[in-house]
C-alpha cells in the first residue's frame, strides 16, 4: 500500500541525490527525513 505524502514528493529528488552522495553527507539526509516526520507528525518505522 502506498500513502501519498506531498511534502515528501517535493523533496524526493533531493533525498535521492543526498542518498547517492558520500557517506559524510548522510547526516544531512537523516536531518531532512527527521524534519519531514516532525513537520508532518508522521510516525515512520525505521
N, C-alpha and C. Protein backbone atom coordinates (compact mmCIF):
# COMPACT_ATOMS: atom_id res chain seq x y z
N UNK A 1 0.84 -1.17 0.00
CA UNK A 1 0.00 0.00 0.00
C UNK A 1 0.89 1.23 0.00
N UNK A 2 0.58 2.19 -0.80
CA UNK A 2 1.33 3.44 -0.87
C UNK A 2 0.47 4.57 -0.31
N UNK A 3 1.10 5.40 0.49
CA UNK A 3 0.40 6.55 1.05
C UNK A 3 1.05 7.80 0.46
N UNK A 4 0.27 8.63 -0.24
CA UNK A 4 0.84 9.84 -0.83
C UNK A 4 1.27 10.83 0.25
N UNK A 5 2.46 11.36 0.10
CA UNK A 5 2.98 12.35 1.03
C UNK A 5 3.49 13.52 0.19
N UNK A 6 2.63 14.52 -0.06
CA UNK A 6 3.01 15.63 -0.94
C UNK A 6 4.31 16.31 -0.51
N UNK A 7 4.51 16.47 0.79
CA UNK A 7 5.72 17.13 1.26
C UNK A 7 6.97 16.33 0.90
N UNK A 8 6.85 15.03 0.90
CA UNK A 8 7.99 14.18 0.54
C UNK A 8 8.20 14.19 -0.96
N UNK A 9 7.12 14.23 -1.72
CA UNK A 9 7.24 14.29 -3.18
C UNK A 9 8.03 15.51 -3.61
N UNK A 10 7.85 16.61 -2.90
CA UNK A 10 8.53 17.86 -3.24
C UNK A 10 10.04 17.72 -3.10
N UNK A 11 10.50 16.96 -2.12
CA UNK A 11 11.93 16.85 -1.86
C UNK A 11 12.50 15.49 -2.27
N UNK A 12 11.71 14.66 -2.93
CA UNK A 12 12.15 13.30 -3.26
C UNK A 12 13.44 13.28 -4.06
N UNK A 13 13.55 14.11 -5.09
CA UNK A 13 14.77 14.12 -5.90
C UNK A 13 15.98 14.53 -5.07
N UNK A 14 15.80 15.51 -4.19
CA UNK A 14 16.90 15.94 -3.34
C UNK A 14 17.32 14.82 -2.39
N UNK A 15 16.35 14.09 -1.86
CA UNK A 15 16.67 12.99 -0.95
C UNK A 15 17.43 11.89 -1.67
N UNK A 16 17.04 11.58 -2.90
CA UNK A 16 17.75 10.56 -3.68
C UNK A 16 19.17 11.02 -3.95
N UNK A 17 19.33 12.29 -4.32
CA UNK A 17 20.67 12.81 -4.58
C UNK A 17 21.54 12.72 -3.33
N UNK A 18 20.98 13.10 -2.18
CA UNK A 18 21.74 13.00 -0.93
C UNK A 18 22.09 11.56 -0.62
N UNK A 19 21.17 10.66 -0.85
CA UNK A 19 21.41 9.24 -0.56
C UNK A 19 22.57 8.70 -1.39
N UNK A 20 22.66 9.16 -2.62
CA UNK A 20 23.69 8.66 -3.53
C UNK A 20 25.04 9.35 -3.34
N UNK A 21 25.10 10.34 -2.48
CA UNK A 21 26.35 11.05 -2.27
C UNK A 21 27.20 10.33 -1.23
N UNK A 22 28.31 10.94 -0.90
CA UNK A 22 29.26 10.33 0.03
C UNK A 22 28.68 10.11 1.41
N UNK A 23 29.32 9.20 2.12
CA UNK A 23 28.90 8.82 3.46
C UNK A 23 28.80 10.03 4.40
N UNK A 24 29.71 10.98 4.29
CA UNK A 24 29.70 12.12 5.20
C UNK A 24 28.49 13.03 5.00
N UNK A 25 27.78 12.87 3.91
CA UNK A 25 26.58 13.67 3.66
C UNK A 25 25.31 13.01 4.19
N UNK A 26 25.42 11.79 4.65
CA UNK A 26 24.25 11.07 5.14
C UNK A 26 23.56 11.76 6.32
N UNK A 27 24.29 12.40 7.25
CA UNK A 27 23.59 13.10 8.34
C UNK A 27 22.61 14.16 7.83
N UNK A 28 22.94 14.79 6.71
CA UNK A 28 22.02 15.78 6.13
C UNK A 28 20.73 15.10 5.70
N UNK A 29 20.85 13.91 5.11
CA UNK A 29 19.67 13.16 4.70
C UNK A 29 18.82 12.80 5.91
N UNK A 30 19.46 12.31 6.95
CA UNK A 30 18.71 11.95 8.16
C UNK A 30 18.01 13.17 8.75
N UNK A 31 18.68 14.32 8.73
CA UNK A 31 18.08 15.54 9.28
C UNK A 31 16.84 15.94 8.49
N UNK A 32 16.90 15.83 7.18
CA UNK A 32 15.75 16.17 6.34
C UNK A 32 14.59 15.22 6.63
N UNK A 33 14.89 13.93 6.72
CA UNK A 33 13.84 12.95 6.98
C UNK A 33 13.21 13.20 8.35
N UNK A 34 14.03 13.46 9.36
CA UNK A 34 13.51 13.74 10.70
C UNK A 34 12.64 14.99 10.69
N UNK A 35 13.09 16.03 9.98
CA UNK A 35 12.30 17.26 9.88
C UNK A 35 10.94 16.98 9.25
N UNK A 36 10.94 16.22 8.15
CA UNK A 36 9.68 15.91 7.48
C UNK A 36 8.75 15.11 8.38
N UNK A 37 9.32 14.16 9.12
CA UNK A 37 8.50 13.36 10.02
C UNK A 37 7.88 14.24 11.10
N UNK A 38 8.67 15.15 11.66
CA UNK A 38 8.16 16.02 12.72
C UNK A 38 7.16 17.03 12.18
N UNK A 39 7.45 17.62 11.03
CA UNK A 39 6.56 18.65 10.49
C UNK A 39 5.23 18.06 10.02
N UNK A 40 5.23 16.78 9.67
CA UNK A 40 4.00 16.13 9.22
C UNK A 40 3.37 15.29 10.31
N UNK A 41 4.02 15.26 11.47
CA UNK A 41 3.54 14.46 12.61
C UNK A 41 3.27 13.03 12.16
N UNK A 42 4.26 12.45 11.46
CA UNK A 42 4.15 11.10 10.93
C UNK A 42 5.09 10.19 11.71
N UNK A 43 4.59 9.04 12.05
CA UNK A 43 5.41 8.04 12.71
C UNK A 43 5.85 7.03 11.67
N UNK A 44 7.16 6.94 11.46
CA UNK A 44 7.71 6.03 10.45
C UNK A 44 8.63 5.05 11.15
N UNK A 45 8.43 3.77 10.90
CA UNK A 45 9.30 2.75 11.48
C UNK A 45 10.58 2.68 10.67
N UNK A 46 11.71 2.62 11.35
CA UNK A 46 13.00 2.55 10.65
C UNK A 46 13.51 1.14 10.66
